[in-house]
Amino acid sequence: CNLYNEKQSMPKNIQKEIFDQLHNLEKRTNKKFGDLKNPLLLSVR
């Protein structure tokens, strides 16, 4: 958060970590983000 607010943009390494964790979440839930047949939907807080 502090890094984003300092740069006023999302650093590429943080975005990559987010997507890596998202893929791990897909494996744990057996759902796929954006998939038409078995979509993984998310909340952000």
All heavy atoms as atom14 arrays in JSON, in Angstrom:
{
  "sequence": "CNLYNEKQSMPKNIQKEIFDQLHNLEKRTNKKFGDLKNPLLLSVR",
  "atom14_mask": [
    [1, 1, 1, 1, 1, 1, 0, 0, 0, 0, 0, 0, 0, 0],
    [1, 1, 1, 1, 1, 1, 1, 1, 0, 0, 0, 0, 0, 0],
    [1, 1, 1, 1, 1, 1, 1, 1, 0, 0, 0, 0, 0, 0],
    [1, 1, 1, 1, 1, 1, 1, 1, 1, 1, 1, 1, 0, 0],
    [1, 1, 1, 1, 1, 1, 1, 1, 0, 0, 0, 0, 0, 0],
    [1, 1, 1, 1, 1, 1, 1, 1, 1, 0, 0, 0, 0, 0],
    [1, 1, 1, 1, 1, 1, 1, 1, 1, 0, 0, 0, 0, 0],
    [1, 1, 1, 1, 1, 1, 1, 1, 1, 0, 0, 0, 0, 0],
    [1, 1, 1, 1, 1, 1, 0, 0, 0, 0, 0, 0, 0, 0],
    [1, 1, 1, 1, 1, 1, 1, 1, 0, 0, 0, 0, 0, 0],
    [1, 1, 1, 1, 1, 1, 1, 0, 0, 0, 0, 0, 0, 0],
    [1, 1, 1, 1, 1, 1, 1, 1, 1, 0, 0, 0, 0, 0],
    [1, 1, 1, 1, 1, 1, 1, 1, 0, 0, 0, 0, 0, 0],
    [1, 1, 1, 1, 1, 1, 1, 1, 0, 0, 0, 0, 0, 0],
    [1, 1, 1, 1, 1, 1, 1, 1, 1, 0, 0, 0, 0, 0],
    [1, 1, 1, 1, 1, 1, 1, 1, 1, 0, 0, 0, 0, 0],
    [1, 1, 1, 1, 1, 1, 1, 1, 1, 0, 0, 0, 0, 0],
    [1, 1, 1, 1, 1, 1, 1, 1, 0, 0, 0, 0, 0, 0],
    [1, 1, 1, 1, 1, 1, 1, 1, 1, 1, 1, 0, 0, 0],
    [1, 1, 1, 1, 1, 1, 1, 1, 0, 0, 0, 0, 0, 0],
    [1, 1, 1, 1, 1, 1, 1, 1, 1, 0, 0, 0, 0, 0],
    [1, 1, 1, 1, 1, 1, 1, 1, 0, 0, 0, 0, 0, 0],
    [1, 1, 1, 1, 1, 1, 1, 1, 1, 1, 0, 0, 0, 0],
    [1, 1, 1, 1, 1, 1, 1, 1, 0, 0, 0, 0, 0, 0],
    [1, 1, 1, 1, 1, 1, 1, 1, 0, 0, 0, 0, 0, 0],
    [1, 1, 1, 1, 1, 1, 1, 1, 1, 0, 0, 0, 0, 0],
    [1, 1, 1, 1, 1, 1, 1, 1, 1, 0, 0, 0, 0, 0],
    [1, 1, 1, 1, 1, 1, 1, 1, 1, 1, 1, 0, 0, 0],
    [1, 1, 1, 1, 1, 1, 1, 0, 0, 0, 0, 0, 0, 0],
    [1, 1, 1, 1, 1, 1, 1, 1, 0, 0, 0, 0, 0, 0],
    [1, 1, 1, 1, 1, 1, 1, 1, 1, 0, 0, 0, 0, 0],
    [1, 1, 1, 1, 1, 1, 1, 1, 1, 0, 0, 0, 0, 0],
    [1, 1, 1, 1, 1, 1, 1, 1, 1, 1, 1, 0, 0, 0],
    [1, 1, 1, 1, 0, 0, 0, 0, 0, 0, 0, 0, 0, 0],
    [1, 1, 1, 1, 1, 1, 1, 1, 0, 0, 0, 0, 0, 0],
    [1, 1, 1, 1, 1, 1, 1, 1, 0, 0, 0, 0, 0, 0],
    [1, 1, 1, 1, 1, 1, 1, 1, 1, 0, 0, 0, 0, 0],
    [1, 1, 1, 1, 1, 1, 1, 1, 0, 0, 0, 0, 0, 0],
    [1, 1, 1, 1, 1, 1, 1, 0, 0, 0, 0, 0, 0, 0],
    [1, 1, 1, 1, 1, 1, 1, 1, 0, 0, 0, 0, 0, 0],
    [1, 1, 1, 1, 1, 1, 1, 1, 0, 0, 0, 0, 0, 0],
    [1, 1, 1, 1, 1, 1, 1, 1, 0, 0, 0, 0, 0, 0],
    [1, 1, 1, 1, 1, 1, 0, 0, 0, 0, 0, 0, 0, 0],
    [1, 1, 1, 1, 1, 1, 1, 0, 0, 0, 0, 0, 0, 0],
    [1, 1, 1, 1, 1, 1, 1, 1, 1, 1, 1, 0, 0, 0]
  ],
  "atom14_positions": [
    [[0.85, -1.21, 0.0], [0.0, 0.0, 0.0], [0.88, 1.25, 0.0], [0.68, 2.17, -0.81], [-0.91, -0.01, 1.23], [-1.8, 1.53, 1.53], [0.0, 0.0, 0.0], [0.0, 0.0, 0.0], [0.0, 0.0, 0.0], [0.0, 0.0, 0.0], [0.0, 0.0, 0.0], [0.0, 0.0, 0.0], [0.0, 0.0, 0.0], [0.0, 0.0, 0.0]],
    [[1.86, 1.29, 0.9], [2.74, 2.46, 0.99], [3.53, 2.66, -0.3], [3.73, 3.79, -0.75], [3.68, 2.32, 2.19], [2.95, 2.48, 3.51], [1.92, 3.16, 3.58], [3.45, 1.84, 4.56], [0.0, 0.0, 0.0], [0.0, 0.0, 0.0], [0.0, 0.0, 0.0], [0.0, 0.0, 0.0], [0.0, 0.0, 0.0], [0.0, 0.0, 0.0]],
    [[3.98, 1.55, -0.89], [4.75, 1.63, -2.12], [3.88, 2.15, -3.27], [4.31, 2.99, -4.06], [5.3, 0.24, -2.47], [6.51, 0.17, -3.4], [7.68, 0.97, -2.85], [6.93, -1.28, -3.61], [0.0, 0.0, 0.0], [0.0, 0.0, 0.0], [0.0, 0.0, 0.0], [0.0, 0.0, 0.0], [0.0, 0.0, 0.0], [0.0, 0.0, 0.0]],
    [[2.63, 1.64, -3.34], [1.7, 2.1, -4.39], [1.44, 3.6, -4.25], [1.48, 4.34, -5.25], [0.38, 1.33, -4.31], [-0.67, 1.91, -5.23], [-0.7, 1.59, -6.58], [-1.63, 2.82, -4.74], [-1.65, 2.15, -7.43], [-2.57, 3.38, -5.58], [-2.58, 3.05, -6.92], [-3.51, 3.61, -7.76], [0.0, 0.0, 0.0], [0.0, 0.0, 0.0]],
    [[1.16, 4.05, -3.02], [0.83, 5.46, -2.82], [2.03, 6.37, -3.06], [1.88, 7.53, -3.47], [0.26, 5.68, -1.41], [-1.18, 5.19, -1.31], [-1.96, 5.32, -2.25], [-1.55, 4.61, -0.18], [0.0, 0.0, 0.0], [0.0, 0.0, 0.0], [0.0, 0.0, 0.0], [0.0, 0.0, 0.0], [0.0, 0.0, 0.0], [0.0, 0.0, 0.0]],
    [[3.23, 5.83, -2.84], [4.45, 6.6, -3.11], [4.68, 6.77, -4.61], [4.99, 7.84, -5.1], [5.64, 5.85, -2.47], [6.98, 6.53, -2.61], [8.11, 5.61, -2.14], [7.96, 4.97, -1.07], [9.11, 5.51, -2.86], [0.0, 0.0, 0.0], [0.0, 0.0, 0.0], [0.0, 0.0, 0.0], [0.0, 0.0, 0.0], [0.0, 0.0, 0.0]],
    [[4.46, 5.66, -5.35], [4.7, 5.69, -6.8], [3.48, 6.12, -7.61], [3.58, 6.45, -8.79], [5.14, 4.28, -7.28], [6.49, 3.83, -6.74], [6.8, 2.42, -7.21], [8.15, 1.93, -6.73], [9.28, 2.63, -7.35], [0.0, 0.0, 0.0], [0.0, 0.0, 0.0], [0.0, 0.0, 0.0], [0.0, 0.0, 0.0], [0.0, 0.0, 0.0]],
    [[2.28, 6.03, -6.96], [1.02, 6.32, -7.66], [0.77, 5.38, -8.84], [0.14, 5.74, -9.82], [0.98, 7.78, -8.13], [0.82, 8.78, -6.99], [-0.5, 8.6, -6.23], [-1.57, 8.76, -6.77], [-0.4, 8.25, -4.95], [0.0, 0.0, 0.0], [0.0, 0.0, 0.0], [0.0, 0.0, 0.0], [0.0, 0.0, 0.0], [0.0, 0.0, 0.0]],
    [[1.31, 4.17, -8.72], [1.06, 3.12, -9.72], [1.37, 1.77, -9.09], [2.1, 1.7, -8.09], [1.92, 3.32, -10.97], [3.28, 3.15, -10.67], [0.0, 0.0, 0.0], [0.0, 0.0, 0.0], [0.0, 0.0, 0.0], [0.0, 0.0, 0.0], [0.0, 0.0, 0.0], [0.0, 0.0, 0.0], [0.0, 0.0, 0.0], [0.0, 0.0, 0.0]],
    [[0.82, 0.71, -9.68], [1.03, -0.64, -9.14], [2.36, -1.2, -9.67], [2.5, -1.43, -10.87], [-0.12, -1.55, -9.55], [0.0, -2.97, -9.0], [-0.23, -3.06, -7.21], [-2.03, -3.02, -7.12], [0.0, 0.0, 0.0], [0.0, 0.0, 0.0], [0.0, 0.0, 0.0], [0.0, 0.0, 0.0], [0.0, 0.0, 0.0], [0.0, 0.0, 0.0]],
    [[3.36, -1.42, -8.78], [4.63, -2.0, -9.22], [4.42, -3.37, -9.87], [3.59, -4.15, -9.4], [5.43, -2.12, -7.92], [4.82, -1.1, -7.0], [3.37, -1.07, -7.35], [0.0, 0.0, 0.0], [0.0, 0.0, 0.0], [0.0, 0.0, 0.0], [0.0, 0.0, 0.0], [0.0, 0.0, 0.0], [0.0, 0.0, 0.0], [0.0, 0.0, 0.0]],
    [[5.15, -3.66, -10.94], [4.98, -4.9, -11.69], [5.24, -6.13, -10.85], [4.58, -7.16, -10.99], [5.88, -4.9, -12.92], [5.4, -3.96, -14.02], [6.28, -4.01, -15.24], [5.75, -3.07, -16.33], [6.61, -3.03, -17.51], [0.0, 0.0, 0.0], [0.0, 0.0, 0.0], [0.0, 0.0, 0.0], [0.0, 0.0, 0.0], [0.0, 0.0, 0.0]],
    [[6.24, -6.06, -9.93], [6.56, -7.23, -9.1], [5.41, -7.57, -8.14], [5.12, -8.74, -7.88], [7.86, -7.03, -8.33], [7.81, -5.85, -7.37], [7.31, -4.78, -7.72], [8.33, -6.02, -6.17], [0.0, 0.0, 0.0], [0.0, 0.0, 0.0], [0.0, 0.0, 0.0], [0.0, 0.0, 0.0], [0.0, 0.0, 0.0], [0.0, 0.0, 0.0]],
    [[4.71, -6.53, -7.65], [3.57, -6.78, -6.74], [2.4, -7.36, -7.53], [1.74, -8.31, -7.08], [3.16, -5.48, -6.01], [4.29, -5.03, -5.08], [1.86, -5.7, -5.21], [4.02, -3.74, -4.34], [0.0, 0.0, 0.0], [0.0, 0.0, 0.0], [0.0, 0.0, 0.0], [0.0, 0.0, 0.0], [0.0, 0.0, 0.0], [0.0, 0.0, 0.0]],
    [[2.16, -6.82, -8.72], [1.09, -7.35, -9.57], [1.34, -8.81, -9.91], [0.41, -9.63, -9.9], [0.96, -6.52, -10.84], [-0.21, -6.95, -11.72], [-0.6, -5.88, -12.72], [-0.85, -4.74, -12.35], [-0.66, -6.24, -13.99], [0.0, 0.0, 0.0], [0.0, 0.0, 0.0], [0.0, 0.0, 0.0], [0.0, 0.0, 0.0], [0.0, 0.0, 0.0]],
    [[2.61, -9.16, -10.18], [2.95, -10.56, -10.49], [2.67, -11.45, -9.27], [2.12, -12.55, -9.41], [4.42, -10.67, -10.88], [4.82, -12.11, -11.28], [6.29, -12.25, -11.62], [6.63, -13.67, -12.03], [6.29, -14.69, -11.01], [0.0, 0.0, 0.0], [0.0, 0.0, 0.0], [0.0, 0.0, 0.0], [0.0, 0.0, 0.0], [0.0, 0.0, 0.0]],
    [[3.03, -10.97, -8.06], [2.76, -11.76, -6.84], [1.26, -11.98, -6.65], [0.82, -13.05, -6.23], [3.33, -11.04, -5.61], [4.79, -11.33, -5.33], [5.18, -10.89, -3.93], [4.65, -11.45, -2.94], [6.02, -9.98, -3.82], [0.0, 0.0, 0.0], [0.0, 0.0, 0.0], [0.0, 0.0, 0.0], [0.0, 0.0, 0.0], [0.0, 0.0, 0.0]],
    [[0.47, -10.94, -6.93], [-1.0, -11.04, -6.8], [-1.52, -12.13, -7.73], [-2.3, -13.0, -7.33], [-1.67, -9.69, -7.11], [-1.37, -8.68, -6.0], [-3.19, -9.86, -7.27], [-1.74, -7.24, -6.34], [0.0, 0.0, 0.0], [0.0, 0.0, 0.0], [0.0, 0.0, 0.0], [0.0, 0.0, 0.0], [0.0, 0.0, 0.0], [0.0, 0.0, 0.0]],
    [[-1.08, -12.1, -8.99], [-1.56, -13.09, -9.97], [-1.05, -14.5, -9.64], [-1.77, -15.48, -9.85], [-1.15, -12.68, -11.39], [-1.88, -11.46, -11.89], [-1.37, -10.69, -12.94], [-3.09, -11.06, -11.33], [-2.05, -9.57, -13.4], [-3.77, -9.94, -11.79], [-3.25, -9.19, -12.83], [0.0, 0.0, 0.0], [0.0, 0.0, 0.0], [0.0, 0.0, 0.0]],
    [[0.17, -14.61, -9.09], [0.68, -15.93, -8.66], [-0.19, -16.5, -7.55], [-0.54, -17.69, -7.56], [2.14, -15.81, -8.17], [3.13, -15.6, -9.31], [2.73, -15.82, -10.48], [4.28, -15.22, -9.04], [0.0, 0.0, 0.0], [0.0, 0.0, 0.0], [0.0, 0.0, 0.0], [0.0, 0.0, 0.0], [0.0, 0.0, 0.0], [0.0, 0.0, 0.0]],
    [[-0.55, -15.65, -6.57], [-1.4, -16.11, -5.47], [-2.8, -16.45, -5.99], [-3.44, -17.38, -5.49], [-1.5, -15.04, -4.37], [-0.29, -14.96, -3.47], [-0.2, -16.12, -2.49], [-1.06, -17.0, -2.45], [0.87, -16.14, -1.69], [0.0, 0.0, 0.0], [0.0, 0.0, 0.0], [0.0, 0.0, 0.0], [0.0, 0.0, 0.0], [0.0, 0.0, 0.0]],
    [[-3.26, -15.71, -6.98], [-4.57, -15.98, -7.58], [-4.57, -17.37, -8.23], [-5.53, -18.14, -8.07], [-4.9, -14.9, -8.61], [-6.21, -15.06, -9.39], [-7.41, -15.15, -8.46], [-6.39, -13.89, -10.36], [0.0, 0.0, 0.0], [0.0, 0.0, 0.0], [0.0, 0.0, 0.0], [0.0, 0.0, 0.0], [0.0, 0.0, 0.0], [0.0, 0.0, 0.0]],
    [[-3.49, -17.71, -8.93], [-3.39, -19.04, -9.57], [-3.35, -20.15, -8.51], [-3.93, -21.22, -8.7], [-2.17, -19.11, -10.48], [-2.25, -18.17, -11.65], [-3.44, -17.94, -12.34], [-1.32, -17.38, -12.25], [-3.22, -17.06, -13.31], [-1.95, -16.69, -13.28], [0.0, 0.0, 0.0], [0.0, 0.0, 0.0], [0.0, 0.0, 0.0], [0.0, 0.0, 0.0]],
    [[-2.67, -19.89, -7.38], [-2.66, -20.87, -6.28], [-4.06, -21.04, -5.7], [-4.47, -22.15, -5.35], [-1.71, -20.41, -5.16], [-0.26, -20.47, -5.57], [0.1, -21.24, -6.48], [0.6, -19.69, -4.93], [0.0, 0.0, 0.0], [0.0, 0.0, 0.0], [0.0, 0.0, 0.0], [0.0, 0.0, 0.0], [0.0, 0.0, 0.0], [0.0, 0.0, 0.0]],
    [[-4.8, -19.93, -5.63], [-6.18, -19.97, -5.12], [-7.06, -20.78, -6.07], [-7.92, -21.55, -5.63], [-6.71, -18.54, -4.97], [-8.11, -18.37, -4.37], [-8.21, -18.99, -2.98], [-8.49, -16.89, -4.31], [0.0, 0.0, 0.0], [0.0, 0.0, 0.0], [0.0, 0.0, 0.0], [0.0, 0.0, 0.0], [0.0, 0.0, 0.0], [0.0, 0.0, 0.0]],
    [[-6.84, -20.64, -7.37], [-7.58, -21.42, -8.36], [-7.37, -22.92, -8.14], [-8.3, -23.72, -8.21], [-7.14, -21.03, -9.78], [-7.62, -19.66, -10.21], [-7.08, -19.25, -11.57], [-5.96, -19.69, -11.93], [-7.75, -18.48, -12.27], [0.0, 0.0, 0.0], [0.0, 0.0, 0.0], [0.0, 0.0, 0.0], [0.0, 0.0, 0.0], [0.0, 0.0, 0.0]],
    [[-6.12, -23.31, -7.85], [-5.81, -24.72, -7.63], [-6.51, -25.24, -6.37], [-7.03, -26.36, -6.36], [-4.29, -24.92, -7.48], [-3.51, -24.75, -8.79], [-2.02, -24.81, -8.52], [-1.23, -24.41, -9.76], [0.2, -24.23, -9.47], [0.0, 0.0, 0.0], [0.0, 0.0, 0.0], [0.0, 0.0, 0.0], [0.0, 0.0, 0.0], [0.0, 0.0, 0.0]],
    [[-6.51, -24.4, -5.3], [-7.12, -24.84, -4.03], [-8.64, -24.97, -4.14], [-9.25, -25.79, -3.47], [-6.77, -23.86, -2.9], [-5.35, -23.96, -2.42], [-5.19, -23.36, -1.02], [-5.52, -21.96, -0.95], [-4.7, -20.96, -1.26], [-3.47, -21.24, -1.68], [-5.08, -19.71, -1.16], [0.0, 0.0, 0.0], [0.0, 0.0, 0.0], [0.0, 0.0, 0.0]],
    [[-9.26, -24.13, -4.96], [-10.72, -24.11, -5.03], [-11.29, -24.9, -6.21], [-12.5, -25.08, -6.3], [-11.22, -22.65, -5.16], [-10.64, -22.06, -6.33], [-10.82, -21.83, -3.93], [0.0, 0.0, 0.0], [0.0, 0.0, 0.0], [0.0, 0.0, 0.0], [0.0, 0.0, 0.0], [0.0, 0.0, 0.0], [0.0, 0.0, 0.0], [0.0, 0.0, 0.0]],
    [[-10.39, -25.35, -7.11], [-10.82, -26.04, -8.34], [-11.75, -25.17, -9.18], [-12.66, -25.66, -9.85], [-11.52, -27.38, -8.02], [-10.54, -28.39, -7.46], [-9.41, -28.5, -7.95], [-10.95, -29.09, -6.42], [0.0, 0.0, 0.0], [0.0, 0.0, 0.0], [0.0, 0.0, 0.0], [0.0, 0.0, 0.0], [0.0, 0.0, 0.0], [0.0, 0.0, 0.0]],
    [[-11.56, -23.86, -9.1], [-12.31, -22.91, -9.93], [-11.3, -22.05, -10.69], [-10.13, -21.99, -10.3], [-13.18, -21.99, -9.05], [-14.31, -22.71, -8.31], [-14.98, -21.76, -7.33], [-16.06, -22.44, -6.53], [-17.36, -22.4, -7.18], [0.0, 0.0, 0.0], [0.0, 0.0, 0.0], [0.0, 0.0, 0.0], [0.0, 0.0, 0.0], [0.0, 0.0, 0.0]],
    [[-11.75, -21.39, -11.75], [-10.83, -20.56, -12.53], [-11.39, -19.16, -12.7], [-12.55, -18.99, -13.07], [-10.57, -21.21, -13.89], [-9.41, -20.56, -14.66], [-8.92, -21.47, -15.76], [-7.88, -20.77, -16.64], [-6.73, -20.25, -15.89], [0.0, 0.0, 0.0], [0.0, 0.0, 0.0], [0.0, 0.0, 0.0], [0.0, 0.0, 0.0], [0.0, 0.0, 0.0]],
    [[-10.57, -18.16, -12.43], [-10.95, -16.75, -12.52], [-11.26, -16.42, -13.98], [-10.44, -16.61, -14.87], [-9.8, -15.89, -12.0], [-10.16, -14.47, -11.7], [-11.25, -14.14, -10.9], [-9.38, -13.42, -12.17], [-11.57, -12.84, -10.61], [-9.68, -12.1, -11.89], [-10.78, -11.81, -11.1], [0.0, 0.0, 0.0], [0.0, 0.0, 0.0], [0.0, 0.0, 0.0]],
    [[-12.48, -15.94, -14.23], [-12.88, -15.57, -15.58], [-13.38, -16.73, -16.43], [-13.77, -16.54, -17.59], [0.0, 0.0, 0.0], [0.0, 0.0, 0.0], [0.0, 0.0, 0.0], [0.0, 0.0, 0.0], [0.0, 0.0, 0.0], [0.0, 0.0, 0.0], [0.0, 0.0, 0.0], [0.0, 0.0, 0.0], [0.0, 0.0, 0.0], [0.0, 0.0, 0.0]],
    [[-13.4, -17.94, -15.86], [-13.83, -19.12, -16.62], [-15.35, -19.08, -16.82], [-16.09, -18.6, -15.95], [-13.44, -20.39, -15.85], [-13.68, -21.65, -16.67], [-13.08, -21.77, -17.74], [-14.47, -22.51, -16.22], [0.0, 0.0, 0.0], [0.0, 0.0, 0.0], [0.0, 0.0, 0.0], [0.0, 0.0, 0.0], [0.0, 0.0, 0.0], [0.0, 0.0, 0.0]],
    [[-15.81, -19.6, -17.95], [-17.25, -19.57, -18.24], [-18.0, -20.7, -17.55], [-19.16, -20.55, -17.17], [-17.48, -19.64, -19.75], [-16.91, -18.49, -20.58], [-17.31, -18.64, -22.04], [-17.39, -17.13, -20.05], [0.0, 0.0, 0.0], [0.0, 0.0, 0.0], [0.0, 0.0, 0.0], [0.0, 0.0, 0.0], [0.0, 0.0, 0.0], [0.0, 0.0, 0.0]],
    [[-17.34, -21.85, -17.37], [-18.03, -23.03, -16.83], [-17.97, -23.1, -15.3], [-18.94, -23.48, -14.65], [-17.44, -24.31, -17.43], [-17.74, -24.45, -18.92], [-17.15, -25.74, -19.48], [-17.43, -25.85, -20.98], [-16.77, -27.03, -21.58], [0.0, 0.0, 0.0], [0.0, 0.0, 0.0], [0.0, 0.0, 0.0], [0.0, 0.0, 0.0], [0.0, 0.0, 0.0]],
    [[-16.82, -22.77, -14.72], [-16.67, -22.88, -13.27], [-15.9, -21.67, -12.74], [-14.74, -21.78, -12.32], [-15.92, -24.19, -12.94], [-15.97, -24.5, -11.46], [-16.83, -24.02, -10.73], [-15.01, -25.29, -11.0], [0.0, 0.0, 0.0], [0.0, 0.0, 0.0], [0.0, 0.0, 0.0], [0.0, 0.0, 0.0], [0.0, 0.0, 0.0], [0.0, 0.0, 0.0]],
    [[-16.54, -20.49, -12.77], [-15.79, -19.26, -12.45], [-15.48, -19.09, -10.96], [-16.31, -19.42, -10.11], [-16.74, -18.16, -12.93], [-18.1, -18.76, -12.82], [-17.94, -20.22, -13.11], [0.0, 0.0, 0.0], [0.0, 0.0, 0.0], [0.0, 0.0, 0.0], [0.0, 0.0, 0.0], [0.0, 0.0, 0.0], [0.0, 0.0, 0.0], [0.0, 0.0, 0.0]],
    [[-14.28, -18.59, -10.69], [-13.9, -18.18, -9.34], [-14.24, -16.7, -9.22], [-13.76, -15.88, -9.99], [-12.4, -18.39, -9.13], [-11.79, -17.79, -7.85], [-12.36, -18.48, -6.6], [-10.27, -17.91, -7.88], [0.0, 0.0, 0.0], [0.0, 0.0, 0.0], [0.0, 0.0, 0.0], [0.0, 0.0, 0.0], [0.0, 0.0, 0.0], [0.0, 0.0, 0.0]],
    [[-15.11, -16.35, -8.28], [-15.44, -14.95, -8.03], [-14.81, -14.51, -6.71], [-14.65, -15.32, -5.79], [-16.95, -14.74, -7.99], [-17.72, -15.14, -9.26], [-19.2, -14.8, -9.11], [-17.15, -14.49, -10.5], [0.0, 0.0, 0.0], [0.0, 0.0, 0.0], [0.0, 0.0, 0.0], [0.0, 0.0, 0.0], [0.0, 0.0, 0.0], [0.0, 0.0, 0.0]],
    [[-14.46, -13.24, -6.62], [-13.67, -12.76, -5.49], [-14.33, -11.56, -4.8], [-15.1, -10.82, -5.42], [-12.28, -12.33, -5.96], [-11.43, -13.39, -6.67], [-10.18, -12.76, -7.28], [-11.05, -14.52, -5.72], [0.0, 0.0, 0.0], [0.0, 0.0, 0.0], [0.0, 0.0, 0.0], [0.0, 0.0, 0.0], [0.0, 0.0, 0.0], [0.0, 0.0, 0.0]],
    [[-13.98, -11.38, -3.54], [-14.32, -10.15, -2.82], [-13.01, -9.44, -2.49], [-11.98, -10.09, -2.31], [-15.09, -10.45, -1.53], [-14.26, -11.13, -0.61], [0.0, 0.0, 0.0], [0.0, 0.0, 0.0], [0.0, 0.0, 0.0], [0.0, 0.0, 0.0], [0.0, 0.0, 0.0], [0.0, 0.0, 0.0], [0.0, 0.0, 0.0], [0.0, 0.0, 0.0]],
    [[-13.06, -8.12, -2.4], [-11.9, -7.32, -2.01], [-12.31, -6.41, -0.86], [-13.31, -5.7, -0.95], [-11.36, -6.5, -3.2], [-10.42, -5.4, -2.72], [-10.64, -7.39, -4.19], [0.0, 0.0, 0.0], [0.0, 0.0, 0.0], [0.0, 0.0, 0.0], [0.0, 0.0, 0.0], [0.0, 0.0, 0.0], [0.0, 0.0, 0.0], [0.0, 0.0, 0.0]],
    [[-11.51, -6.47, 0.24], [-11.82, -5.67, 1.43], [-10.56, -4.96, 1.91], [-9.46, -5.49, 1.8], [-12.35, -6.55, 2.56], [-13.7, -7.2, 2.3], [-14.08, -8.14, 3.45], [-15.45, -8.6, 3.33], [-15.83, -9.67, 2.65], [-14.93, -10.39, 2.01], [-17.1, -10.03, 2.6], [0.0, 0.0, 0.0], [0.0, 0.0, 0.0], [0.0, 0.0, 0.0]]
  ]
}
